[in-house]
Protein backbone atom coordinates (compact mmCIF):
# COMPACT_ATOMS: atom_id res chain seq x y z
CA UNK A 1 -13.64 12.51 -7.86
CA UNK A 2 -12.06 14.99 -5.12
CA UNK A 3 -12.35 14.43 -1.51
CA UNK A 4 -12.35 17.62 1.03
CA UNK A 5 -10.94 16.75 4.61
CA UNK A 6 -11.40 20.78 5.51
CA UNK A 7 -8.48 20.18 7.65
CA UNK A 8 -6.47 21.56 4.21
CA UNK A 9 -2.98 21.05 3.59
CA UNK A 10 -0.27 22.53 5.55
CA UNK A 11 2.26 20.09 5.57
CA UNK A 12 0.70 17.90 8.18
CA UNK A 13 -1.19 14.76 8.66
CA UNK A 14 -3.19 13.14 11.10
CA UNK A 15 -1.48 10.29 12.88
CA UNK A 16 -2.27 8.52 16.15
CA UNK A 17 -5.03 11.42 17.05
CA UNK A 18 -2.45 13.85 16.57
CA UNK A 19 -1.62 16.44 13.73
CA UNK A 20 2.24 15.85 12.75
CA UNK A 21 4.24 17.01 9.73
CA UNK A 22 4.30 14.62 6.91
CA UNK A 23 8.00 14.99 6.94
CA UNK A 24 8.27 12.82 10.37
CA UNK A 25 9.62 10.00 10.48
CA UNK A 26 6.93 7.75 11.92
CA UNK A 27 4.67 8.75 8.35
CA UNK A 28 8.05 7.39 6.39
CA UNK A 29 7.91 4.61 8.49
CA UNK A 30 4.54 3.46 8.19
CA UNK A 31 3.91 4.21 4.04
CA UNK A 32 7.41 1.86 4.28
CA UNK A 33 5.70 -0.81 6.37
CA UNK A 34 2.12 -0.51 4.10
CA UNK A 35 4.33 -1.06 0.77
CA UNK A 36 6.21 -4.35 2.29
CA UNK A 37 3.09 -5.80 3.49
CA UNK A 38 1.64 -5.56 -0.07
CA UNK A 39 4.51 -6.86 -1.17
CA UNK A 40 4.48 -9.91 1.23
CA UNK A 41 0.85 -10.62 0.07
CA UNK A 42 1.74 -10.35 -3.81
CA UNK A 43 4.82 -12.60 -3.26
CA UNK A 44 2.66 -14.57 -0.89
CA UNK A 45 0.32 -15.60 -3.86
CA UNK A 46 2.55 -15.82 -6.74
CA UNK A 47 4.18 -18.22 -4.32
CA UNK A 48 0.80 -19.83 -3.91
CA UNK A 49 0.02 -20.22 -6.99
CA UNK A 50 -2.53 -17.87 -6.97
CA UNK A 51 -4.38 -16.89 -10.18
CA UNK A 52 -4.92 -13.01 -11.13
CA UNK A 53 -3.40 -10.03 -12.19
CA UNK A 54 -0.07 -8.49 -10.82
CA UNK A 55 1.63 -5.47 -12.30
CA UNK A 56 4.48 -7.73 -10.72
CA UNK A 57 4.33 -10.62 -12.04
CA UNK A 58 1.90 -10.46 -14.93
CA UNK A 59 -1.63 -10.64 -15.91
CA UNK A 60 -1.64 -14.45 -16.09
CA UNK A 61 0.54 -15.91 -13.91
CA UNK A 62 0.34 -19.99 -12.44
CA UNK A 63 -2.55 -20.42 -14.33
CA UNK A 64 -4.25 -23.96 -13.13
CA UNK A 65 -4.61 -26.78 -15.49
CA UNK A 66 -8.14 -26.68 -17.14
């Protein structure tokens, strides 16, 4: 599926209502924070023993007794 935003790709992206270059430090920072948040959530699930599939911990981590 293709998504069209009609803004073109000239090396910029929309951030906080303005166009900034994709190399802007804020774009990198937001991406890093997003990845960290996802990892912390995954780690929290693992430490709690929640059931589910995870690319880090495998497909059957911490299964409860049946």
